[in-house]
Amino acid sequence: MKRSAVEWIAYYLVIVGALNWGFVGLFDFDIVAKILGEATALARIVYSLVGISGLYLIYLVGVKES
């Protein structure tokens, strides 16, 4: 099945978010904050895009299931 560019971006962002949460949970280390700075506008944008991507993938699963 061919995926759109938006779907691929959403998948990659969700993977980044999952890995980041894994590091936070296991090592108390926030990769995004370390790279982009703690509570910077850019870090907040990345966190927001990861969240939106997660919602989009939930939507895709619902659409594909029905």
C-alpha atoms as a PDB file:
ATOM      1  CA  MET A   1       0.000   0.000   0.000  1.00  0.00           C
ATOM      2  CA  LYS A   2       1.364   3.387  -0.988  1.00  0.00           C
ATOM      3  CA  ARG A   3       1.526   6.042   1.725  1.00  0.00           C
ATOM      4  CA  SER A   4       1.357   9.801   1.273  1.00  0.00           C
ATOM      5  CA  ALA A   5       4.132  12.151   2.350  1.00  0.00           C
ATOM      6  CA  VAL A   6       1.943  13.369   5.230  1.00  0.00           C
ATOM      7  CA  GLU A   7       1.527   9.789   6.483  1.00  0.00           C
ATOM      8  CA  TRP A   8       5.281   9.160   6.379  1.00  0.00           C
ATOM      9  CA  ILE A   9       5.988  12.390   8.251  1.00  0.00           C
ATOM     10  CA  ALA A  10       3.383  11.454  10.860  1.00  0.00           C
ATOM     11  CA  TYR A  11       4.939   7.990  11.292  1.00  0.00           C
ATOM     12  CA  TYR A  12       8.429   9.429  11.758  1.00  0.00           C
ATOM     13  CA  LEU A  13       7.252  12.063  14.222  1.00  0.00           C
ATOM     14  CA  VAL A  14       5.391   9.476  16.285  1.00  0.00           C
ATOM     15  CA  ILE A  15       8.534   7.317  16.353  1.00  0.00           C
ATOM     16  CA  VAL A  16      10.563  10.331  17.537  1.00  0.00           C
ATOM     17  CA  GLY A  17       7.962  10.972  20.232  1.00  0.00           C
ATOM     18  CA  ALA A  18       7.924   7.335  21.339  1.00  0.00           C
ATOM     19  CA  LEU A  19      11.698   7.200  21.572  1.00  0.00           C
ATOM     20  CA  ASN A  20      11.792  10.487  23.455  1.00  0.00           C
ATOM     21  CA  TRP A  21       9.194   9.254  25.992  1.00  0.00           C
ATOM     22  CA  GLY A  22      11.132   6.015  26.337  1.00  0.00           C
ATOM     23  CA  PHE A  23      14.274   7.952  27.203  1.00  0.00           C
ATOM     24  CA  VAL A  24      12.358  10.174  29.626  1.00  0.00           C
ATOM     25  CA  GLY A  25      10.854   7.144  31.364  1.00  0.00           C
ATOM     26  CA  LEU A  26      13.987   5.030  31.494  1.00  0.00           C
ATOM     27  CA  PHE A  27      16.749   7.597  31.927  1.00  0.00           C
ATOM     28  CA  ASP A  28      14.999  10.878  32.842  1.00  0.00           C
ATOM     29  CA  PHE A  29      16.576  12.338  29.689  1.00  0.00           C
ATOM     30  CA  ASP A  30      14.536  14.454  27.249  1.00  0.00           C
ATOM     31  CA  ILE A  31      16.235  14.245  23.852  1.00  0.00           C
ATOM     32  CA  VAL A  32      14.093  16.956  22.238  1.00  0.00           C
ATOM     33  CA  ALA A  33      14.768  19.411  25.074  1.00  0.00           C
ATOM     34  CA  LYS A  34      18.475  18.583  24.989  1.00  0.00           C
ATOM     35  CA  ILE A  35      18.722  19.229  21.238  1.00  0.00           C
ATOM     36  CA  LEU A  36      16.318  22.171  20.904  1.00  0.00           C
ATOM     37  CA  GLY A  37      16.500  23.677  24.384  1.00  0.00           C
ATOM     38  CA  GLU A  38      14.216  23.395  27.373  1.00  0.00           C
ATOM     39  CA  ALA A  39      10.802  25.050  26.820  1.00  0.00           C
ATOM     40  CA  THR A  40      11.871  26.845  23.640  1.00  0.00           C
ATOM     41  CA  ALA A  41       9.363  27.706  20.948  1.00  0.00           C
ATOM     42  CA  LEU A  42      10.987  25.184  18.596  1.00  0.00           C
ATOM     43  CA  ALA A  43      10.766  22.379  21.176  1.00  0.00           C
ATOM     44  CA  ARG A  44       7.092  23.197  21.775  1.00  0.00           C
ATOM     45  CA  ILE A  45       6.469  23.058  18.027  1.00  0.00           C
ATOM     46  CA  VAL A  46       8.092  19.612  17.833  1.00  0.00           C
ATOM     47  CA  TYR A  47       6.042  18.370  20.810  1.00  0.00           C
ATOM     48  CA  SER A  48       2.877  19.762  19.198  1.00  0.00           C
ATOM     49  CA  LEU A  49       3.650  18.166  15.833  1.00  0.00           C
ATOM     50  CA  VAL A  50       4.278  14.811  17.522  1.00  0.00           C
ATOM     51  CA  GLY A  51       0.904  15.074  19.284  1.00  0.00           C
ATOM     52  CA  ILE A  52      -0.921  16.074  16.099  1.00  0.00           C
ATOM     53  CA  SER A  53       0.777  13.203  14.275  1.00  0.00           C
ATOM     54  CA  GLY A  54      -0.432  10.774  16.916  1.00  0.00           C
ATOM     55  CA  LEU A  55      -3.998  12.025  16.524  1.00  0.00           C
ATOM     56  CA  TYR A  56      -3.698  11.767  12.747  1.00  0.00           C
ATOM     57  CA  LEU A  57      -2.522   8.147  12.984  1.00  0.00           C
ATOM     58  CA  ILE A  58      -5.428   7.339  15.319  1.00  0.00           C
ATOM     59  CA  TYR A  59      -7.719   8.833  12.674  1.00  0.00           C
ATOM     60  CA  LEU A  60      -6.053   6.764   9.925  1.00  0.00           C
ATOM     61  CA  VAL A  61      -6.503   3.558  11.886  1.00  0.00           C
ATOM     62  CA  GLY A  62     -10.186   4.390  12.348  1.00  0.00           C
ATOM     63  CA  VAL A  63     -10.674   5.161   8.650  1.00  0.00           C
ATOM     64  CA  LYS A  64      -8.822   2.039   7.475  1.00  0.00           C
ATOM     65  CA  GLU A  65     -10.760  -0.176   9.917  1.00  0.00           C
ATOM     66  CA  SER A  66     -14.183   0.956   8.688  1.00  0.00           C
END
